[in-house]
Amino acid sequence: AGSVFMTTVFSMLTVPLCAYILELVV
C-alpha cells in the first residue's frame, strides 16, 4: 500500500513532466 501511495503521489508530477518532455523531443 505504501508503494502505491508514494508512486501515485509523485506520478502527479512525473507523468505530466514525461508527457511534456516527449512533446519536445518526439
mmCIF file of all heavy atoms, coordinates in Angstrom:
data_MODEL
# 
_entry.id   MODEL 
# 
loop_
_atom_site.group_PDB 
_atom_site.id 
_atom_site.type_symbol 
_atom_site.label_atom_id 
_atom_site.label_alt_id 
_atom_site.label_comp_id 
_atom_site.label_asym_id 
_atom_site.label_entity_id 
_atom_site.label_seq_id 
_atom_site.pdbx_PDB_ins_code 
_atom_site.Cartn_x 
_atom_site.Cartn_y 
_atom_site.Cartn_z 
_atom_site.occupancy 
_atom_site.B_iso_or_equiv 
_atom_site.pdbx_formal_charge 
_atom_site.auth_seq_id 
_atom_site.auth_comp_id 
_atom_site.auth_asym_id 
_atom_site.auth_atom_id 
_atom_site.pdbx_PDB_model_num 
ATOM 1   N N   . ALA A 1 1  ? 0.832  -1.201 0.000   1.00 0.00 ? 1  ALA A N   1 
ATOM 2   C CA  . ALA A 1 1  ? 0.000  0.000  0.000   1.00 0.00 ? 1  ALA A CA  1 
ATOM 3   C C   . ALA A 1 1  ? 0.869  1.254  0.000   1.00 0.00 ? 1  ALA A C   1 
ATOM 4   O O   . ALA A 1 1  ? 0.543  2.250  -0.662  1.00 0.00 ? 1  ALA A O   1 
ATOM 5   C CB  . ALA A 1 1  ? -0.916 0.002  1.226   1.00 0.00 ? 1  ALA A CB  1 
ATOM 6   N N   . GLY A 1 2  ? 1.981  1.195  0.715   1.00 0.00 ? 2  GLY A N   1 
ATOM 7   C CA  . GLY A 1 2  ? 2.890  2.329  0.742   1.00 0.00 ? 2  GLY A CA  1 
ATOM 8   C C   . GLY A 1 2  ? 3.491  2.623  -0.621  1.00 0.00 ? 2  GLY A C   1 
ATOM 9   O O   . GLY A 1 2  ? 3.646  3.790  -1.012  1.00 0.00 ? 2  GLY A O   1 
ATOM 10  N N   . SER A 1 3  ? 3.834  1.572  -1.365  1.00 0.00 ? 3  SER A N   1 
ATOM 11  C CA  . SER A 1 3  ? 4.393  1.769  -2.704  1.00 0.00 ? 3  SER A CA  1 
ATOM 12  C C   . SER A 1 3  ? 3.351  2.373  -3.643  1.00 0.00 ? 3  SER A C   1 
ATOM 13  O O   . SER A 1 3  ? 3.678  3.213  -4.488  1.00 0.00 ? 3  SER A O   1 
ATOM 14  C CB  . SER A 1 3  ? 4.908  0.439  -3.263  1.00 0.00 ? 3  SER A CB  1 
ATOM 15  O OG  . SER A 1 3  ? 3.843  -0.460 -3.523  1.00 0.00 ? 3  SER A OG  1 
ATOM 16  N N   . VAL A 1 4  ? 2.099  1.939  -3.492  1.00 0.00 ? 4  VAL A N   1 
ATOM 17  C CA  . VAL A 1 4  ? 1.019  2.526  -4.285  1.00 0.00 ? 4  VAL A CA  1 
ATOM 18  C C   . VAL A 1 4  ? 0.865  4.001  -3.938  1.00 0.00 ? 4  VAL A C   1 
ATOM 19  O O   . VAL A 1 4  ? 0.740  4.870  -4.818  1.00 0.00 ? 4  VAL A O   1 
ATOM 20  C CB  . VAL A 1 4  ? -0.315 1.775  -4.046  1.00 0.00 ? 4  VAL A CB  1 
ATOM 21  C CG1 . VAL A 1 4  ? -1.473 2.504  -4.744  1.00 0.00 ? 4  VAL A CG1 1 
ATOM 22  C CG2 . VAL A 1 4  ? -0.215 0.338  -4.542  1.00 0.00 ? 4  VAL A CG2 1 
ATOM 23  N N   . PHE A 1 5  ? 0.887  4.291  -2.634  1.00 0.00 ? 5  PHE A N   1 
ATOM 24  C CA  . PHE A 1 5  ? 0.727  5.662  -2.164  1.00 0.00 ? 5  PHE A CA  1 
ATOM 25  C C   . PHE A 1 5  ? 1.827  6.574  -2.709  1.00 0.00 ? 5  PHE A C   1 
ATOM 26  O O   . PHE A 1 5  ? 1.558  7.614  -3.317  1.00 0.00 ? 5  PHE A O   1 
ATOM 27  C CB  . PHE A 1 5  ? 0.745  5.683  -0.629  1.00 0.00 ? 5  PHE A CB  1 
ATOM 28  C CG  . PHE A 1 5  ? 0.822  7.063  -0.031  1.00 0.00 ? 5  PHE A CG  1 
ATOM 29  C CD1 . PHE A 1 5  ? -0.320 7.820  0.138   1.00 0.00 ? 5  PHE A CD1 1 
ATOM 30  C CD2 . PHE A 1 5  ? 2.041  7.606  0.344   1.00 0.00 ? 5  PHE A CD2 1 
ATOM 31  C CE1 . PHE A 1 5  ? -0.255 9.096  0.689   1.00 0.00 ? 5  PHE A CE1 1 
ATOM 32  C CE2 . PHE A 1 5  ? 2.120  8.872  0.895   1.00 0.00 ? 5  PHE A CE2 1 
ATOM 33  C CZ  . PHE A 1 5  ? 0.969  9.621  1.063   1.00 0.00 ? 5  PHE A CZ  1 
ATOM 34  N N   . MET A 1 6  ? 3.079  6.180  -2.488  1.00 0.00 ? 6  MET A N   1 
ATOM 35  C CA  . MET A 1 6  ? 4.187  7.064  -2.856  1.00 0.00 ? 6  MET A CA  1 
ATOM 36  C C   . MET A 1 6  ? 4.273  7.270  -4.360  1.00 0.00 ? 6  MET A C   1 
ATOM 37  O O   . MET A 1 6  ? 4.452  8.407  -4.835  1.00 0.00 ? 6  MET A O   1 
ATOM 38  C CB  . MET A 1 6  ? 5.506  6.508  -2.323  1.00 0.00 ? 6  MET A CB  1 
ATOM 39  C CG  . MET A 1 6  ? 6.696  7.417  -2.615  1.00 0.00 ? 6  MET A CG  1 
ATOM 40  S SD  . MET A 1 6  ? 8.214  6.937  -1.766  1.00 0.00 ? 6  MET A SD  1 
ATOM 41  C CE  . MET A 1 6  ? 7.878  7.546  -0.118  1.00 0.00 ? 6  MET A CE  1 
ATOM 42  N N   . THR A 1 7  ? 4.156  6.199  -5.140  1.00 0.00 ? 7  THR A N   1 
ATOM 43  C CA  . THR A 1 7  ? 4.269  6.349  -6.592  1.00 0.00 ? 7  THR A CA  1 
ATOM 44  C C   . THR A 1 7  ? 3.083  7.113  -7.176  1.00 0.00 ? 7  THR A C   1 
ATOM 45  O O   . THR A 1 7  ? 3.246  7.863  -8.139  1.00 0.00 ? 7  THR A O   1 
ATOM 46  C CB  . THR A 1 7  ? 4.384  4.976  -7.281  1.00 0.00 ? 7  THR A CB  1 
ATOM 47  O OG1 . THR A 1 7  ? 3.265  4.150  -6.923  1.00 0.00 ? 7  THR A OG1 1 
ATOM 48  C CG2 . THR A 1 7  ? 5.676  4.269  -6.879  1.00 0.00 ? 7  THR A CG2 1 
ATOM 49  N N   . THR A 1 8  ? 1.897  6.941  -6.587  1.00 0.00 ? 8  THR A N   1 
ATOM 50  C CA  . THR A 1 8  ? 0.728  7.671  -7.087  1.00 0.00 ? 8  THR A CA  1 
ATOM 51  C C   . THR A 1 8  ? 0.876  9.161  -6.825  1.00 0.00 ? 8  THR A C   1 
ATOM 52  O O   . THR A 1 8  ? 0.592  9.991  -7.702  1.00 0.00 ? 8  THR A O   1 
ATOM 53  C CB  . THR A 1 8  ? -0.563 7.152  -6.425  1.00 0.00 ? 8  THR A CB  1 
ATOM 54  O OG1 . THR A 1 8  ? -0.727 5.759  -6.713  1.00 0.00 ? 8  THR A OG1 1 
ATOM 55  C CG2 . THR A 1 8  ? -1.784 7.901  -6.965  1.00 0.00 ? 8  THR A CG2 1 
ATOM 56  N N   . VAL A 1 9  ? 1.339  9.520  -5.634  1.00 0.00 ? 9  VAL A N   1 
ATOM 57  C CA  . VAL A 1 9  ? 1.516  10.940 -5.300  1.00 0.00 ? 9  VAL A CA  1 
ATOM 58  C C   . VAL A 1 9  ? 2.539  11.586 -6.227  1.00 0.00 ? 9  VAL A C   1 
ATOM 59  O O   . VAL A 1 9  ? 2.281  12.645 -6.825  1.00 0.00 ? 9  VAL A O   1 
ATOM 60  C CB  . VAL A 1 9  ? 1.951  11.095 -3.828  1.00 0.00 ? 9  VAL A CB  1 
ATOM 61  C CG1 . VAL A 1 9  ? 2.388  12.530 -3.559  1.00 0.00 ? 9  VAL A CG1 1 
ATOM 62  C CG2 . VAL A 1 9  ? 0.805  10.723 -2.901  1.00 0.00 ? 9  VAL A CG2 1 
ATOM 63  N N   . PHE A 1 10 ? 3.697  10.954 -6.383  1.00 0.00 ? 10 PHE A N   1 
ATOM 64  C CA  . PHE A 1 10 ? 4.747  11.546 -7.212  1.00 0.00 ? 10 PHE A CA  1 
ATOM 65  C C   . PHE A 1 10 ? 4.397  11.501 -8.704  1.00 0.00 ? 10 PHE A C   1 
ATOM 66  O O   . PHE A 1 10 ? 4.891  12.328 -9.481  1.00 0.00 ? 10 PHE A O   1 
ATOM 67  C CB  . PHE A 1 10 ? 6.083  10.854 -6.957  1.00 0.00 ? 10 PHE A CB  1 
ATOM 68  C CG  . PHE A 1 10 ? 6.767  11.312 -5.711  1.00 0.00 ? 10 PHE A CG  1 
ATOM 69  C CD1 . PHE A 1 10 ? 6.759  10.545 -4.568  1.00 0.00 ? 10 PHE A CD1 1 
ATOM 70  C CD2 . PHE A 1 10 ? 7.408  12.550 -5.675  1.00 0.00 ? 10 PHE A CD2 1 
ATOM 71  C CE1 . PHE A 1 10 ? 7.384  10.977 -3.405  1.00 0.00 ? 10 PHE A CE1 1 
ATOM 72  C CE2 . PHE A 1 10 ? 8.030  12.995 -4.516  1.00 0.00 ? 10 PHE A CE2 1 
ATOM 73  C CZ  . PHE A 1 10 ? 8.022  12.208 -3.375  1.00 0.00 ? 10 PHE A CZ  1 
ATOM 74  N N   . SER A 1 11 ? 3.543  10.549 -9.107  1.00 0.00 ? 11 SER A N   1 
ATOM 75  C CA  . SER A 1 11 ? 3.167  10.459 -10.525 1.00 0.00 ? 11 SER A CA  1 
ATOM 76  C C   . SER A 1 11 ? 2.367  11.671 -10.971 1.00 0.00 ? 11 SER A C   1 
ATOM 77  O O   . SER A 1 11 ? 2.305  11.973 -12.169 1.00 0.00 ? 11 SER A O   1 
ATOM 78  C CB  . SER A 1 11 ? 2.360  9.183  -10.785 1.00 0.00 ? 11 SER A CB  1 
ATOM 79  O OG  . SER A 1 11 ? 1.054  9.265  -10.227 1.00 0.00 ? 11 SER A OG  1 
ATOM 80  N N   . MET A 1 12 ? 1.746  12.376 -10.025 1.00 0.00 ? 12 MET A N   1 
ATOM 81  C CA  . MET A 1 12 ? 1.001  13.583 -10.390 1.00 0.00 ? 12 MET A CA  1 
ATOM 82  C C   . MET A 1 12 ? 1.938  14.653 -10.949 1.00 0.00 ? 12 MET A C   1 
ATOM 83  O O   . MET A 1 12 ? 1.497  15.573 -11.646 1.00 0.00 ? 12 MET A O   1 
ATOM 84  C CB  . MET A 1 12 ? 0.229  14.109 -9.175  1.00 0.00 ? 12 MET A CB  1 
ATOM 85  C CG  . MET A 1 12 ? -0.953 13.236 -8.783  1.00 0.00 ? 12 MET A CG  1 
ATOM 86  S SD  . MET A 1 12 ? -1.980 13.962 -7.487  1.00 0.00 ? 12 MET A SD  1 
ATOM 87  C CE  . MET A 1 12 ? -0.937 13.718 -6.061  1.00 0.00 ? 12 MET A CE  1 
ATOM 88  N N   . LEU A 1 13 ? 3.227  14.515 -10.655 1.00 0.00 ? 13 LEU A N   1 
ATOM 89  C CA  . LEU A 1 13 ? 4.225  15.422 -11.220 1.00 0.00 ? 13 LEU A CA  1 
ATOM 90  C C   . LEU A 1 13 ? 4.987  14.776 -12.376 1.00 0.00 ? 13 LEU A C   1 
ATOM 91  O O   . LEU A 1 13 ? 5.228  15.412 -13.405 1.00 0.00 ? 13 LEU A O   1 
ATOM 92  C CB  . LEU A 1 13 ? 5.221  15.849 -10.136 1.00 0.00 ? 13 LEU A CB  1 
ATOM 93  C CG  . LEU A 1 13 ? 4.650  16.667 -8.970  1.00 0.00 ? 13 LEU A CG  1 
ATOM 94  C CD1 . LEU A 1 13 ? 5.741  16.900 -7.930  1.00 0.00 ? 13 LEU A CD1 1 
ATOM 95  C CD2 . LEU A 1 13 ? 4.102  17.989 -9.457  1.00 0.00 ? 13 LEU A CD2 1 
ATOM 96  N N   . THR A 1 14 ? 5.350  13.503 -12.201 1.00 0.00 ? 14 THR A N   1 
ATOM 97  C CA  . THR A 1 14 ? 6.223  12.865 -13.185 1.00 0.00 ? 14 THR A CA  1 
ATOM 98  C C   . THR A 1 14 ? 5.514  12.509 -14.489 1.00 0.00 ? 14 THR A C   1 
ATOM 99  O O   . THR A 1 14 ? 6.121  12.599 -15.561 1.00 0.00 ? 14 THR A O   1 
ATOM 100 C CB  . THR A 1 14 ? 6.857  11.602 -12.592 1.00 0.00 ? 14 THR A CB  1 
ATOM 101 O OG1 . THR A 1 14 ? 5.830  10.682 -12.185 1.00 0.00 ? 14 THR A OG1 1 
ATOM 102 C CG2 . THR A 1 14 ? 7.718  11.937 -11.391 1.00 0.00 ? 14 THR A CG2 1 
ATOM 103 N N   . VAL A 1 15 ? 4.236  12.105 -14.423 1.00 0.00 ? 15 VAL A N   1 
ATOM 104 C CA  . VAL A 1 15 ? 3.520  11.757 -15.658 1.00 0.00 ? 15 VAL A CA  1 
ATOM 105 C C   . VAL A 1 15 ? 3.345  12.977 -16.560 1.00 0.00 ? 15 VAL A C   1 
ATOM 106 O O   . VAL A 1 15 ? 3.671  12.920 -17.757 1.00 0.00 ? 15 VAL A O   1 
ATOM 107 C CB  . VAL A 1 15 ? 2.158  11.089 -15.346 1.00 0.00 ? 15 VAL A CB  1 
ATOM 108 C CG1 . VAL A 1 15 ? 1.330  10.943 -16.617 1.00 0.00 ? 15 VAL A CG1 1 
ATOM 109 C CG2 . VAL A 1 15 ? 2.382  9.711  -14.715 1.00 0.00 ? 15 VAL A CG2 1 
ATOM 110 N N   . PRO A 1 16 ? 2.844  14.112 -16.050 1.00 0.00 ? 16 PRO A N   1 
ATOM 111 C CA  . PRO A 1 16 ? 2.778  15.302 -16.907 1.00 0.00 ? 16 PRO A CA  1 
ATOM 112 C C   . PRO A 1 16 ? 4.148  15.755 -17.394 1.00 0.00 ? 16 PRO A C   1 
ATOM 113 O O   . PRO A 1 16 ? 4.286  16.222 -18.526 1.00 0.00 ? 16 PRO A O   1 
ATOM 114 C CB  . PRO A 1 16 ? 2.133  16.357 -15.997 1.00 0.00 ? 16 PRO A CB  1 
ATOM 115 C CG  . PRO A 1 16 ? 1.375  15.577 -14.987 1.00 0.00 ? 16 PRO A CG  1 
ATOM 116 C CD  . PRO A 1 16 ? 2.203  14.356 -14.746 1.00 0.00 ? 16 PRO A CD  1 
ATOM 117 N N   . LEU A 1 17 ? 5.166  15.627 -16.531 1.00 0.00 ? 17 LEU A N   1 
ATOM 118 C CA  . LEU A 1 17 ? 6.519  16.005 -16.940 1.00 0.00 ? 17 LEU A CA  1 
ATOM 119 C C   . LEU A 1 17 ? 6.997  15.119 -18.077 1.00 0.00 ? 17 LEU A C   1 
ATOM 120 O O   . LEU A 1 17 ? 7.596  15.609 -19.057 1.00 0.00 ? 17 LEU A O   1 
ATOM 121 C CB  . LEU A 1 17 ? 7.471  15.894 -15.750 1.00 0.00 ? 17 LEU A CB  1 
ATOM 122 C CG  . LEU A 1 17 ? 8.951  16.216 -16.029 1.00 0.00 ? 17 LEU A CG  1 
ATOM 123 C CD1 . LEU A 1 17 ? 9.093  17.663 -16.487 1.00 0.00 ? 17 LEU A CD1 1 
ATOM 124 C CD2 . LEU A 1 17 ? 9.799  15.947 -14.798 1.00 0.00 ? 17 LEU A CD2 1 
ATOM 125 N N   . CYS A 1 18 ? 6.736  13.831 -17.972 1.00 0.00 ? 18 CYS A N   1 
ATOM 126 C CA  . CYS A 1 18 ? 7.101  12.883 -19.026 1.00 0.00 ? 18 CYS A CA  1 
ATOM 127 C C   . CYS A 1 18 ? 6.392  13.246 -20.331 1.00 0.00 ? 18 CYS A C   1 
ATOM 128 O O   . CYS A 1 18 ? 7.011  13.260 -21.408 1.00 0.00 ? 18 CYS A O   1 
ATOM 129 C CB  . CYS A 1 18 ? 6.753  11.463 -18.593 1.00 0.00 ? 18 CYS A CB  1 
ATOM 130 S SG  . CYS A 1 18 ? 7.144  10.181 -19.805 1.00 0.00 ? 18 CYS A SG  1 
ATOM 131 N N   . ALA A 1 19 ? 5.101  13.553 -20.237 1.00 0.00 ? 19 ALA A N   1 
ATOM 132 C CA  . ALA A 1 19 ? 4.324  13.921 -21.427 1.00 0.00 ? 19 ALA A CA  1 
ATOM 133 C C   . ALA A 1 19 ? 4.866  15.197 -22.052 1.00 0.00 ? 19 ALA A C   1 
ATOM 134 O O   . ALA A 1 19 ? 4.967  15.315 -23.280 1.00 0.00 ? 19 ALA A O   1 
ATOM 135 C CB  . ALA A 1 19 ? 2.855  14.098 -21.052 1.00 0.00 ? 19 ALA A CB  1 
ATOM 136 N N   . TYR A 1 20 ? 5.241  16.138 -21.205 1.00 0.00 ? 20 TYR A N   1 
ATOM 137 C CA  . TYR A 1 20 ? 5.762  17.422 -21.699 1.00 0.00 ? 20 TYR A CA  1 
ATOM 138 C C   . TYR A 1 20 ? 7.100  17.229 -22.420 1.00 0.00 ? 20 TYR A C   1 
ATOM 139 O O   . TYR A 1 20 ? 7.324  17.776 -23.505 1.00 0.00 ? 20 TYR A O   1 
ATOM 140 C CB  . TYR A 1 20 ? 5.939  18.388 -20.521 1.00 0.00 ? 20 TYR A CB  1 
ATOM 141 C CG  . TYR A 1 20 ? 6.554  19.710 -20.900 1.00 0.00 ? 20 TYR A CG  1 
ATOM 142 C CD1 . TYR A 1 20 ? 5.840  20.657 -21.615 1.00 0.00 ? 20 TYR A CD1 1 
ATOM 143 C CD2 . TYR A 1 20 ? 7.875  19.988 -20.536 1.00 0.00 ? 20 TYR A CD2 1 
ATOM 144 C CE1 . TYR A 1 20 ? 6.426  21.861 -21.966 1.00 0.00 ? 20 TYR A CE1 1 
ATOM 145 C CE2 . TYR A 1 20 ? 8.461  21.196 -20.881 1.00 0.00 ? 20 TYR A CE2 1 
ATOM 146 C CZ  . TYR A 1 20 ? 7.732  22.131 -21.595 1.00 0.00 ? 20 TYR A CZ  1 
ATOM 147 O OH  . TYR A 1 20 ? 8.312  23.326 -21.956 1.00 0.00 ? 20 TYR A OH  1 
ATOM 148 N N   . ILE A 1 21 ? 7.997  16.445 -21.827 1.00 0.00 ? 21 ILE A N   1 
ATOM 149 C CA  . ILE A 1 21 ? 9.304  16.206 -22.438 1.00 0.00 ? 21 ILE A CA  1 
ATOM 150 C C   . ILE A 1 21 ? 9.144  15.480 -23.767 1.00 0.00 ? 21 ILE A C   1 
ATOM 151 O O   . ILE A 1 21 ? 9.835  15.800 -24.759 1.00 0.00 ? 21 ILE A O   1 
ATOM 152 C CB  . ILE A 1 21 ? 10.200 15.397 -21.476 1.00 0.00 ? 21 ILE A CB  1 
ATOM 153 C CG1 . ILE A 1 21 ? 10.535 16.251 -20.249 1.00 0.00 ? 21 ILE A CG1 1 
ATOM 154 C CG2 . ILE A 1 21 ? 11.487 14.953 -22.176 1.00 0.00 ? 21 ILE A CG2 1 
ATOM 155 C CD1 . ILE A 1 21 ? 11.297 15.501 -19.168 1.00 0.00 ? 21 ILE A CD1 1 
ATOM 156 N N   . LEU A 1 22 ? 8.246  14.513 -23.809 1.00 0.00 ? 22 LEU A N   1 
ATOM 157 C CA  . LEU A 1 22 ? 8.028  13.781 -25.056 1.00 0.00 ? 22 LEU A CA  1 
ATOM 158 C C   . LEU A 1 22 ? 7.502  14.685 -26.164 1.00 0.00 ? 22 LEU A C   1 
ATOM 159 O O   . LEU A 1 22 ? 7.849  14.510 -27.341 1.00 0.00 ? 22 LEU A O   1 
ATOM 160 C CB  . LEU A 1 22 ? 7.051  12.614 -24.821 1.00 0.00 ? 22 LEU A CB  1 
ATOM 161 C CG  . LEU A 1 22 ? 7.613  11.419 -24.055 1.00 0.00 ? 22 LEU A CG  1 
ATOM 162 C CD1 . LEU A 1 22 ? 6.491  10.444 -23.703 1.00 0.00 ? 22 LEU A CD1 1 
ATOM 163 C CD2 . LEU A 1 22 ? 8.693  10.716 -24.873 1.00 0.00 ? 22 LEU A CD2 1 
ATOM 164 N N   . GLU A 1 23 ? 6.674  15.653 -25.793 1.00 0.00 ? 23 GLU A N   1 
ATOM 165 C CA  . GLU A 1 23 ? 6.186  16.599 -26.790 1.00 0.00 ? 23 GLU A CA  1 
ATOM 166 C C   . GLU A 1 23 ? 7.337  17.419 -27.388 1.00 0.00 ? 23 GLU A C   1 
ATOM 167 O O   . GLU A 1 23 ? 7.297  17.809 -28.560 1.00 0.00 ? 23 GLU A O   1 
ATOM 168 C CB  . GLU A 1 23 ? 5.169  17.558 -26.150 1.00 0.00 ? 23 GLU A CB  1 
ATOM 169 C CG  . GLU A 1 23 ? 3.788  16.961 -25.989 1.00 0.00 ? 23 GLU A CG  1 
ATOM 170 C CD  . GLU A 1 23 ? 3.140  16.606 -27.313 1.00 0.00 ? 23 GLU A CD  1 
ATOM 171 O OE1 . GLU A 1 23 ? 3.310  17.378 -28.281 1.00 0.00 ? 23 GLU A OE1 1 
ATOM 172 O OE2 . GLU A 1 23 ? 2.492  15.552 -27.384 1.00 0.00 ? 23 GLU A OE2 1 
ATOM 173 N N   . LEU A 1 24 ? 8.367  17.637 -26.606 1.00 0.00 ? 24 LEU A N   1 
ATOM 174 C CA  . LEU A 1 24 ? 9.512  18.419 -27.075 1.00 0.00 ? 24 LEU A CA  1 
ATOM 175 C C   . LEU A 1 24 ? 10.473 17.605 -27.934 1.00 0.00 ? 24 LEU A C   1 
ATOM 176 O O   . LEU A 1 24 ? 11.063 18.144 -28.882 1.00 0.00 ? 24 LEU A O   1 
ATOM 177 C CB  . LEU A 1 24 ? 10.271 18.998 -25.870 1.00 0.00 ? 24 LEU A CB  1 
ATOM 178 C CG  . LEU A 1 24 ? 9.531  20.002 -24.993 1.00 0.00 ? 24 LEU A CG  1 
ATOM 179 C CD1 . LEU A 1 24 ? 10.418 20.429 -23.826 1.00 0.00 ? 24 LEU A CD1 1 
ATOM 180 C CD2 . LEU A 1 24 ? 9.089  21.219 -25.786 1.00 0.00 ? 24 LEU A CD2 1 
ATOM 181 N N   . VAL A 1 25 ? 10.638 16.336 -27.597 1.00 0.00 ? 25 VAL A N   1 
ATOM 182 C CA  . VAL A 1 25 ? 11.685 15.544 -28.246 1.00 0.00 ? 25 VAL A CA  1 
ATOM 183 C C   . VAL A 1 25 ? 11.174 14.582 -29.323 1.00 0.00 ? 25 VAL A C   1 
ATOM 184 O O   . VAL A 1 25 ? 11.971 14.112 -30.143 1.00 0.00 ? 25 VAL A O   1 
ATOM 185 C CB  . VAL A 1 25 ? 12.492 14.741 -27.198 1.00 0.00 ? 25 VAL A CB  1 
ATOM 186 C CG1 . VAL A 1 25 ? 13.128 15.666 -26.189 1.00 0.00 ? 25 VAL A CG1 1 
ATOM 187 C CG2 . VAL A 1 25 ? 11.612 13.711 -26.485 1.00 0.00 ? 25 VAL A CG2 1 
ATOM 188 N N   . VAL A 1 26 ? 9.878  14.276 -29.326 1.00 0.00 ? 26 VAL A N   1 
ATOM 189 C CA  . VAL A 1 26 ? 9.349  13.300 -30.302 1.00 0.00 ? 26 VAL A CA  1 
ATOM 190 C C   . VAL A 1 26 ? 8.664  14.047 -31.433 1.00 0.00 ? 26 VAL A C   1 
ATOM 191 O O   . VAL A 1 26 ? 7.802  14.892 -31.185 1.00 0.00 ? 26 VAL A O   1 
ATOM 192 C CB  . VAL A 1 26 ? 8.369  12.328 -29.627 1.00 0.00 ? 26 VAL A CB  1 
ATOM 193 C CG1 . VAL A 1 26 ? 7.781  11.380 -30.679 1.00 0.00 ? 26 VAL A CG1 1 
ATOM 194 C CG2 . VAL A 1 26 ? 9.075  11.525 -28.545 1.00 0.00 ? 26 VAL A CG2 1 
# 
